Amino acid sequence: SVPNPKPSPDGLLQVCAELKVTPSDCVYVGDSSSDGGAAHNAGMPSIGVLWGSNSEEKLRTAPFAVLCENVDQLAGLLPGVAN
């Protein structure tokens, strides 16, 4: 558990520390503005997905690096993922 919920970066930073990776070497995929905020606050690139529980309008105001509309588009954005 972490002391503060998203958009605090605590959870993301804890995972990075446990995996011994830096946030800038990761990509966070999320479907809420708090996901985008947590990634931004952690210094982690992020991708917002538009098929989750939040509206596109709400996600467009979140600090995601990019938004994608479907799984194929997401796969094309992630290195090492075959389409």
N, C-alpha and C. Protein backbone atom coordinates (compact mmCIF):
# COMPACT_ATOMS: atom_id res chain seq x y z
N SER A 1 0.84 -1.18 0.00
CA SER A 1 0.00 0.00 0.00
C SER A 1 0.89 1.25 0.00
N VAL A 2 0.31 2.33 -0.44
CA VAL A 2 1.02 3.60 -0.51
C VAL A 2 0.26 4.65 0.30
N PRO A 3 0.98 5.67 0.79
CA PRO A 3 0.34 6.64 1.67
C PRO A 3 -0.71 7.53 1.00
N ASN A 4 -0.54 7.81 -0.29
CA ASN A 4 -1.45 8.74 -0.95
C ASN A 4 -1.98 8.16 -2.25
N PRO A 5 -3.26 8.35 -2.54
CA PRO A 5 -3.84 7.83 -3.78
C PRO A 5 -3.46 8.69 -4.99
N LYS A 6 -3.68 8.16 -6.18
CA LYS A 6 -3.48 8.94 -7.40
C LYS A 6 -4.37 10.18 -7.33
N PRO A 7 -3.90 11.31 -7.77
CA PRO A 7 -2.79 11.54 -8.67
C PRO A 7 -1.42 11.67 -8.02
N SER A 8 -1.30 11.31 -6.75
CA SER A 8 0.03 11.26 -6.14
C SER A 8 0.85 10.21 -6.89
N PRO A 9 2.12 10.45 -7.08
CA PRO A 9 2.95 9.47 -7.79
C PRO A 9 3.43 8.33 -6.90
N ASP A 10 3.04 8.29 -5.64
CA ASP A 10 3.59 7.32 -4.69
C ASP A 10 3.57 5.88 -5.19
N GLY A 11 2.43 5.43 -5.71
CA GLY A 11 2.32 4.05 -6.17
C GLY A 11 3.23 3.75 -7.34
N LEU A 12 3.30 4.66 -8.29
CA LEU A 12 4.16 4.46 -9.45
C LEU A 12 5.62 4.46 -9.05
N LEU A 13 5.99 5.38 -8.18
CA LEU A 13 7.39 5.44 -7.74
C LEU A 13 7.77 4.21 -6.92
N GLN A 14 6.84 3.68 -6.15
CA GLN A 14 7.11 2.46 -5.39
C GLN A 14 7.38 1.29 -6.33
N VAL A 15 6.57 1.15 -7.36
CA VAL A 15 6.77 0.06 -8.31
C VAL A 15 8.12 0.22 -9.03
N CYS A 16 8.43 1.45 -9.43
CA CYS A 16 9.72 1.69 -10.09
C CYS A 16 10.89 1.31 -9.17
N ALA A 17 10.79 1.68 -7.92
CA ALA A 17 11.85 1.36 -6.97
C ALA A 17 11.99 -0.16 -6.80
N GLU A 18 10.86 -0.85 -6.70
CA GLU A 18 10.89 -2.30 -6.53
C GLU A 18 11.46 -3.01 -7.76
N LEU A 19 11.20 -2.45 -8.95
CA LEU A 19 11.71 -3.06 -10.18
C LEU A 19 13.08 -2.53 -10.59
N LYS A 20 13.55 -1.54 -9.81
CA LYS A 20 14.85 -0.92 -10.09
C LYS A 20 14.91 -0.31 -11.49
N VAL A 21 13.87 0.46 -11.81
CA VAL A 21 13.82 1.19 -13.08
C VAL A 21 13.49 2.65 -12.77
N THR A 22 13.84 3.52 -13.69
CA THR A 22 13.49 4.92 -13.50
C THR A 22 12.14 5.20 -14.16
N PRO A 23 11.38 6.13 -13.61
CA PRO A 23 10.08 6.45 -14.19
C PRO A 23 10.15 6.83 -15.67
N SER A 24 11.20 7.53 -16.06
CA SER A 24 11.31 7.95 -17.46
C SER A 24 11.54 6.77 -18.41
N ASP A 25 11.91 5.60 -17.88
CA ASP A 25 12.09 4.40 -18.70
C ASP A 25 10.82 3.54 -18.76
N CYS A 26 9.74 4.03 -18.18
CA CYS A 26 8.47 3.31 -18.14
C CYS A 26 7.42 4.05 -18.95
N VAL A 27 6.31 3.39 -19.20
CA VAL A 27 5.14 4.03 -19.80
C VAL A 27 3.93 3.58 -18.99
N TYR A 28 3.14 4.55 -18.56
CA TYR A 28 1.92 4.24 -17.79
C TYR A 28 0.73 4.36 -18.72
N VAL A 29 -0.09 3.34 -18.76
CA VAL A 29 -1.31 3.34 -19.56
C VAL A 29 -2.49 3.44 -18.61
N GLY A 30 -3.33 4.44 -18.83
CA GLY A 30 -4.45 4.64 -17.91
C GLY A 30 -5.70 5.13 -18.61
N ASP A 31 -6.80 5.10 -17.85
CA ASP A 31 -8.08 5.52 -18.42
C ASP A 31 -8.79 6.57 -17.57
N SER A 32 -8.03 7.26 -16.72
CA SER A 32 -8.64 8.31 -15.89
C SER A 32 -7.68 9.49 -15.77
N SER A 33 -8.24 10.63 -15.46
CA SER A 33 -7.40 11.82 -15.30
C SER A 33 -6.42 11.65 -14.14
N SER A 34 -6.82 10.90 -13.09
CA SER A 34 -5.89 10.68 -11.98
C SER A 34 -4.72 9.78 -12.41
N ASP A 35 -4.94 8.89 -13.37
CA ASP A 35 -3.84 8.09 -13.93
C ASP A 35 -2.84 9.00 -14.64
N GLY A 36 -3.35 9.89 -15.48
CA GLY A 36 -2.48 10.82 -16.18
C GLY A 36 -1.74 11.73 -15.21
N GLY A 37 -2.43 12.17 -14.16
CA GLY A 37 -1.79 13.02 -13.15
C GLY A 37 -0.71 12.30 -12.39
N ALA A 38 -0.95 11.06 -12.02
CA ALA A 38 0.05 10.29 -11.28
C ALA A 38 1.30 10.08 -12.13
N ALA A 39 1.10 9.73 -13.39
CA ALA A 39 2.25 9.53 -14.28
C ALA A 39 3.02 10.83 -14.46
N HIS A 40 2.32 11.90 -14.70
CA HIS A 40 2.96 13.22 -14.85
C HIS A 40 3.75 13.57 -13.59
N ASN A 41 3.15 13.39 -12.43
CA ASN A 41 3.80 13.72 -11.16
C ASN A 41 5.00 12.83 -10.87
N ALA A 42 5.01 11.63 -11.46
CA ALA A 42 6.14 10.71 -11.28
C ALA A 42 7.24 10.95 -12.31
N GLY A 43 6.98 11.79 -13.32
CA GLY A 43 7.94 11.97 -14.39
C GLY A 43 7.96 10.82 -15.37
N MET A 44 6.78 10.19 -15.54
CA MET A 44 6.65 8.99 -16.36
C MET A 44 5.80 9.31 -17.59
N PRO A 45 6.27 8.93 -18.78
CA PRO A 45 5.42 9.10 -19.96
C PRO A 45 4.12 8.32 -19.78
N SER A 46 3.05 8.81 -20.39
CA SER A 46 1.76 8.15 -20.20
C SER A 46 0.93 8.14 -21.47
N ILE A 47 0.09 7.13 -21.55
CA ILE A 47 -0.85 6.98 -22.67
C ILE A 47 -2.24 6.83 -22.06
N GLY A 48 -3.14 7.68 -22.51
CA GLY A 48 -4.53 7.57 -22.09
C GLY A 48 -5.32 6.75 -23.09
N VAL A 49 -6.15 5.85 -22.60
CA VAL A 49 -6.99 5.04 -23.48
C VAL A 49 -8.43 5.50 -23.37
N LEU A 50 -9.08 5.62 -24.52
CA LEU A 50 -10.42 6.19 -24.58
C LEU A 50 -11.54 5.18 -24.41
N TRP A 51 -11.22 3.92 -24.17
CA TRP A 51 -12.27 2.91 -24.03
C TRP A 51 -12.54 2.53 -22.57
N GLY A 52 -12.04 3.32 -21.65
CA GLY A 52 -12.26 3.05 -20.22
C GLY A 52 -13.54 3.68 -19.71
N SER A 53 -13.55 3.95 -18.44
CA SER A 53 -14.76 4.42 -17.78
C SER A 53 -14.96 5.93 -17.80
N ASN A 54 -14.01 6.69 -18.35
CA ASN A 54 -14.12 8.15 -18.36
C ASN A 54 -14.34 8.67 -19.78
N SER A 55 -14.95 9.82 -19.86
CA SER A 55 -15.26 10.42 -21.16
C SER A 55 -14.00 10.94 -21.84
N GLU A 56 -14.07 11.02 -23.16
CA GLU A 56 -12.96 11.56 -23.93
C GLU A 56 -12.69 13.01 -23.53
N GLU A 57 -13.73 13.78 -23.30
CA GLU A 57 -13.56 15.17 -22.90
C GLU A 57 -12.76 15.29 -21.61
N LYS A 58 -13.07 14.44 -20.65
CA LYS A 58 -12.35 14.47 -19.38
C LYS A 58 -10.89 14.06 -19.56
N LEU A 59 -10.65 13.05 -20.38
CA LEU A 59 -9.28 12.58 -20.59
C LEU A 59 -8.44 13.59 -21.36
N ARG A 60 -9.06 14.37 -22.22
CA ARG A 60 -8.32 15.38 -22.98
C ARG A 60 -7.79 16.49 -22.08
N THR A 61 -8.35 16.66 -20.89
CA THR A 61 -7.85 17.67 -19.96
C THR A 61 -6.76 17.12 -19.04
N ALA A 62 -6.55 15.81 -19.08
CA ALA A 62 -5.54 15.17 -18.23
C ALA A 62 -4.16 15.29 -18.90
N PRO A 63 -3.09 15.21 -18.11
CA PRO A 63 -1.75 15.39 -18.68
C PRO A 63 -1.15 14.13 -19.31
N PHE A 64 -1.93 13.44 -20.13
CA PHE A 64 -1.39 12.29 -20.87
C PHE A 64 -0.51 12.81 -22.01
N ALA A 65 0.56 12.08 -22.32
CA ALA A 65 1.41 12.43 -23.45
C ALA A 65 0.66 12.21 -24.76
N VAL A 66 -0.17 11.18 -24.80
CA VAL A 66 -0.93 10.86 -26.01
C VAL A 66 -2.19 10.11 -25.59
N LEU A 67 -3.23 10.22 -26.40
CA LEU A 67 -4.46 9.45 -26.20
C LEU A 67 -4.61 8.50 -27.38
N CYS A 68 -5.12 7.30 -27.11
CA CYS A 68 -5.36 6.38 -28.21
C CYS A 68 -6.78 5.84 -28.14
N GLU A 69 -7.28 5.48 -29.31
CA GLU A 69 -8.69 5.12 -29.45
C GLU A 69 -8.96 3.62 -29.41
N ASN A 70 -7.94 2.79 -29.65
CA ASN A 70 -8.18 1.35 -29.68
C ASN A 70 -6.90 0.59 -29.35
N VAL A 71 -7.04 -0.71 -29.17
CA VAL A 71 -5.91 -1.54 -28.75
C VAL A 71 -4.84 -1.60 -29.83
N ASP A 72 -5.23 -1.64 -31.09
CA ASP A 72 -4.23 -1.67 -32.16
C ASP A 72 -3.38 -0.41 -32.14
N GLN A 73 -4.01 0.74 -31.92
CA GLN A 73 -3.25 1.99 -31.84
C GLN A 73 -2.31 1.96 -30.63
N LEU A 74 -2.79 1.45 -29.50
CA LEU A 74 -1.96 1.33 -28.31
C LEU A 74 -0.75 0.43 -28.58
N ALA A 75 -0.97 -0.69 -29.20
CA ALA A 75 0.13 -1.62 -29.51
C ALA A 75 1.18 -0.95 -30.38
N GLY A 76 0.74 -0.10 -31.31
CA GLY A 76 1.68 0.60 -32.17
C GLY A 76 2.52 1.64 -31.43
N LEU A 77 2.04 2.09 -30.28
CA LEU A 77 2.75 3.09 -29.50
C LEU A 77 3.77 2.46 -28.54
N LEU A 78 3.62 1.17 -28.26
CA LEU A 78 4.48 0.51 -27.27
C LEU A 78 5.60 -0.26 -27.95
N PRO A 79 6.85 0.06 -27.60
CA PRO A 79 7.97 -0.68 -28.21
C PRO A 79 7.93 -2.16 -27.84
N GLY A 80 8.24 -3.00 -28.80
CA GLY A 80 8.32 -4.42 -28.53
C GLY A 80 7.00 -5.15 -28.56
N VAL A 81 5.91 -4.45 -28.92
CA VAL A 81 4.59 -5.09 -29.00
C VAL A 81 4.26 -5.30 -30.47
N ALA A 82 4.03 -6.55 -30.84
CA ALA A 82 3.69 -6.86 -32.22
C ALA A 82 2.24 -6.49 -32.50
N ASN A 83 1.99 -5.95 -33.67
CA ASN A 83 0.61 -5.61 -34.07
C ASN A 83 -0.06 -6.80 -34.67
